[in-house]
Each structure stands twice: as structure tokens, then as C-alpha cells.
Amino acid sequence: MEIDLASLPDKKYFSMGEASNLLGVKDHILRYWEKAFKNYFTVKRISNRRMFQKSDLVTFLKIKELSERGLNLKAIKKVLEEGDFSLELDVEIIESLKEVLKILKT
């Protein structure tokens, strides 16, 4: 799922519900990712409500994409630490290894 950041409402902050709807992920998943990857988010609390910036939505998208590709939390943290350059390479290696494993099992 791709989100065109230019099409997002011109707002500084997005509530949990708005972020959940935009990303197509349930609220509890966003809270879990926020806790697991707390160093990557600039969450602001307004009236005891989580508010996310556009940069947070991009980070959520990266995490969502990586988790859909089968990476666990530790691997996702490594990819986020190394930056976008290694993202495709790591995913390609993992996919190649999965194919080799399938071949070996047959």
C-alpha cells in the first residue's frame, strides 16, 4: 500500500485514529510499533492523546512493509538503523534465502 504524502491533509499532527485509517493498520498495532521502535517516533501528546507527524507515518509505512515481507522486530530495527539503502538489499537476500530453503526442503 502506497501513500502519496502530498495527498495527506495539510496538518501538523494526525491522531491515532487518522493514522490508523491512512495506513490501514489497527490502532493496537501502531501502539505496539510505537513502543517497540520508540527512538524513531516524535510522538506528541495533546490532551493525553497520541499525535503523529507525517515523518512518523512514513516510519510506520516502512515498518509495515518490512513486517509484511516477513522480517521480525530485530531485523526491522537493523534495517531502520542502516537506512533506506540497505532496505532493498536485505529484503532481496531474505527472499533469495527463502527460495533456497524451499528448494532444499523438496
C-alpha atoms as a PDB file:
ATOM      1  CA  MET A   1       0.000   0.000   0.000  1.00  0.00           C
ATOM      2  CA  GLU A   2       1.500   3.286  -1.079  1.00  0.00           C
ATOM      3  CA  ILE A   3       0.503   6.613   0.401  1.00  0.00           C
ATOM      4  CA  ASP A   4       1.072   9.799  -1.539  1.00  0.00           C
ATOM      5  CA  LEU A   5       2.353  12.142   1.156  1.00  0.00           C
ATOM      6  CA  ALA A   6       1.279  15.134  -0.913  1.00  0.00           C
ATOM      7  CA  SER A   7      -2.318  13.925  -0.723  1.00  0.00           C
ATOM      8  CA  LEU A   8      -2.303  13.857   3.083  1.00  0.00           C
ATOM      9  CA  PRO A   9      -4.249  16.645   4.758  1.00  0.00           C
ATOM     10  CA  ASP A  10      -2.181  19.759   5.364  1.00  0.00           C
ATOM     11  CA  LYS A  11      -1.906  19.253   9.105  1.00  0.00           C
ATOM     12  CA  LYS A  12       0.965  19.206  11.512  1.00  0.00           C
ATOM     13  CA  TYR A  13      -0.372  16.315  13.592  1.00  0.00           C
ATOM     14  CA  PHE A  14      -2.505  13.229  12.975  1.00  0.00           C
ATOM     15  CA  SER A  15      -4.449  11.437  15.686  1.00  0.00           C
ATOM     16  CA  MET A  16      -4.126   7.713  16.296  1.00  0.00           C
ATOM     17  CA  GLY A  17      -7.418   7.080  14.502  1.00  0.00           C
ATOM     18  CA  GLU A  18      -6.413   9.144  11.471  1.00  0.00           C
ATOM     19  CA  ALA A  19      -3.020   7.426  11.257  1.00  0.00           C
ATOM     20  CA  SER A  20      -4.679   4.034  11.604  1.00  0.00           C
ATOM     21  CA  ASN A  21      -7.127   4.764   8.785  1.00  0.00           C
ATOM     22  CA  LEU A  22      -4.473   6.204   6.472  1.00  0.00           C
ATOM     23  CA  LEU A  23      -2.108   3.268   6.981  1.00  0.00           C
ATOM     24  CA  GLY A  24      -4.729   0.527   7.015  1.00  0.00           C
ATOM     25  CA  VAL A  25      -3.479  -0.831  10.340  1.00  0.00           C
ATOM     26  CA  LYS A  26      -5.387  -1.232  13.596  1.00  0.00           C
ATOM     27  CA  ASP A  27      -4.683   1.129  16.487  1.00  0.00           C
ATOM     28  CA  HIS A  28      -3.150  -1.536  18.723  1.00  0.00           C
ATOM     29  CA  ILE A  29      -0.584  -2.383  16.033  1.00  0.00           C
ATOM     30  CA  LEU A  30       0.502   1.270  15.842  1.00  0.00           C
ATOM     31  CA  ARG A  31       0.804   1.423  19.639  1.00  0.00           C
ATOM     32  CA  TYR A  32       2.895  -1.762  19.599  1.00  0.00           C
ATOM     33  CA  TRP A  33       5.215  -0.418  16.885  1.00  0.00           C
ATOM     34  CA  GLU A  34       5.456   2.919  18.685  1.00  0.00           C
ATOM     35  CA  LYS A  35       6.629   1.139  21.831  1.00  0.00           C
ATOM     36  CA  ALA A  36       8.974  -1.286  20.030  1.00  0.00           C
ATOM     37  CA  PHE A  37      10.570   1.456  17.894  1.00  0.00           C
ATOM     38  CA  LYS A  38      10.273   4.387  20.307  1.00  0.00           C
ATOM     39  CA  ASN A  39      13.528   6.009  19.113  1.00  0.00           C
ATOM     40  CA  TYR A  40      12.096   6.509  15.616  1.00  0.00           C
ATOM     41  CA  PHE A  41       8.967   8.471  16.504  1.00  0.00           C
ATOM     42  CA  THR A  42       8.351  12.052  17.551  1.00  0.00           C
ATOM     43  CA  VAL A  43       5.027  11.386  19.255  1.00  0.00           C
ATOM     44  CA  LYS A  44       3.430  14.392  20.865  1.00  0.00           C
ATOM     45  CA  ARG A  45       0.698  14.063  23.422  1.00  0.00           C
ATOM     46  CA  ILE A  46      -2.101  16.600  23.324  1.00  0.00           C
ATOM     47  CA  SER A  47      -4.769  16.175  25.997  1.00  0.00           C
ATOM     48  CA  ASN A  48      -3.367  12.689  26.684  1.00  0.00           C
ATOM     49  CA  ARG A  49      -3.847  11.666  23.018  1.00  0.00           C
ATOM     50  CA  ARG A  50      -1.041  10.483  20.753  1.00  0.00           C
ATOM     51  CA  MET A  51      -0.417  12.766  17.800  1.00  0.00           C
ATOM     52  CA  PHE A  52       1.843  11.732  14.914  1.00  0.00           C
ATOM     53  CA  GLN A  53       3.650  13.838  12.324  1.00  0.00           C
ATOM     54  CA  LYS A  54       3.997  12.979   8.623  1.00  0.00           C
ATOM     55  CA  SER A  55       7.505  11.671   9.285  1.00  0.00           C
ATOM     56  CA  ASP A  56       6.014   9.232  11.799  1.00  0.00           C
ATOM     57  CA  LEU A  57       3.569   7.989   9.159  1.00  0.00           C
ATOM     58  CA  VAL A  58       6.485   7.330   6.793  1.00  0.00           C
ATOM     59  CA  THR A  59       8.261   5.351   9.516  1.00  0.00           C
ATOM     60  CA  PHE A  60       5.097   3.351  10.176  1.00  0.00           C
ATOM     61  CA  LEU A  61       4.883   2.586   6.453  1.00  0.00           C
ATOM     62  CA  LYS A  62       8.463   1.298   6.410  1.00  0.00           C
ATOM     63  CA  ILE A  63       7.809  -0.905   9.427  1.00  0.00           C
ATOM     64  CA  LYS A  64       4.570  -2.187   7.906  1.00  0.00           C
ATOM     65  CA  GLU A  65       6.253  -3.032   4.602  1.00  0.00           C
ATOM     66  CA  LEU A  66       9.122  -4.833   6.308  1.00  0.00           C
ATOM     67  CA  SER A  67       6.843  -6.811   8.594  1.00  0.00           C
ATOM     68  CA  GLU A  68       4.696  -7.833   5.613  1.00  0.00           C
ATOM     69  CA  ARG A  69       7.855  -9.154   3.970  1.00  0.00           C
ATOM     70  CA  GLY A  70       8.417 -11.435   6.938  1.00  0.00           C
ATOM     71  CA  LEU A  71      11.086  -9.603   8.943  1.00  0.00           C
ATOM     72  CA  ASN A  72      10.958  -9.806  12.727  1.00  0.00           C
ATOM     73  CA  LEU A  73      11.397  -6.831  15.080  1.00  0.00           C
ATOM     74  CA  LYS A  74      15.143  -7.262  15.438  1.00  0.00           C
ATOM     75  CA  ALA A  75      15.641  -7.342  11.662  1.00  0.00           C
ATOM     76  CA  ILE A  76      13.375  -4.319  11.163  1.00  0.00           C
ATOM     77  CA  LYS A  77      15.363  -2.344  13.752  1.00  0.00           C
ATOM     78  CA  LYS A  78      18.578  -3.235  11.929  1.00  0.00           C
ATOM     79  CA  VAL A  79      17.151  -2.093   8.599  1.00  0.00           C
ATOM     80  CA  LEU A  80      15.937   1.192  10.113  1.00  0.00           C
ATOM     81  CA  GLU A  81      19.349   1.819  11.707  1.00  0.00           C
ATOM     82  CA  GLU A  82      21.193   1.222   8.445  1.00  0.00           C
ATOM     83  CA  GLY A  83      18.894   3.462   6.420  1.00  0.00           C
ATOM     84  CA  ASP A  84      16.970   3.048   3.180  1.00  0.00           C
ATOM     85  CA  PHE A  85      19.979   2.000   1.072  1.00  0.00           C
ATOM     86  CA  SER A  86      20.232  -1.419   2.699  1.00  0.00           C
ATOM     87  CA  LEU A  87      16.475  -1.993   2.737  1.00  0.00           C
ATOM     88  CA  GLU A  88      16.159  -3.429  -0.744  1.00  0.00           C
ATOM     89  CA  LEU A  89      19.389  -5.406  -0.466  1.00  0.00           C
ATOM     90  CA  ASP A  90      18.366  -7.031   2.831  1.00  0.00           C
ATOM     91  CA  VAL A  91      14.915  -7.888   1.535  1.00  0.00           C
ATOM     92  CA  GLU A  92      16.345  -9.340  -1.688  1.00  0.00           C
ATOM     93  CA  ILE A  93      18.767 -11.518   0.289  1.00  0.00           C
ATOM     94  CA  ILE A  94      15.993 -12.743   2.569  1.00  0.00           C
ATOM     95  CA  GLU A  95      13.757 -13.572  -0.410  1.00  0.00           C
ATOM     96  CA  SER A  96      16.618 -15.432  -2.095  1.00  0.00           C
ATOM     97  CA  LEU A  97      17.300 -17.419   1.067  1.00  0.00           C
ATOM     98  CA  LYS A  98      13.614 -18.332   1.362  1.00  0.00           C
ATOM     99  CA  GLU A  99      13.681 -19.674  -2.215  1.00  0.00           C
ATOM    100  CA  VAL A 100      16.827 -21.730  -1.472  1.00  0.00           C
ATOM    101  CA  LEU A 101      15.158 -23.134   1.649  1.00  0.00           C
ATOM    102  CA  LYS A 102      12.099 -24.184  -0.369  1.00  0.00           C
ATOM    103  CA  ILE A 103      14.331 -25.965  -2.872  1.00  0.00           C
ATOM    104  CA  LEU A 104      16.256 -27.737  -0.122  1.00  0.00           C
ATOM    105  CA  LYS A 105      13.087 -28.930   1.584  1.00  0.00           C
ATOM    106  CA  THR A 106      11.843 -30.638  -1.594  1.00  0.00           C
END
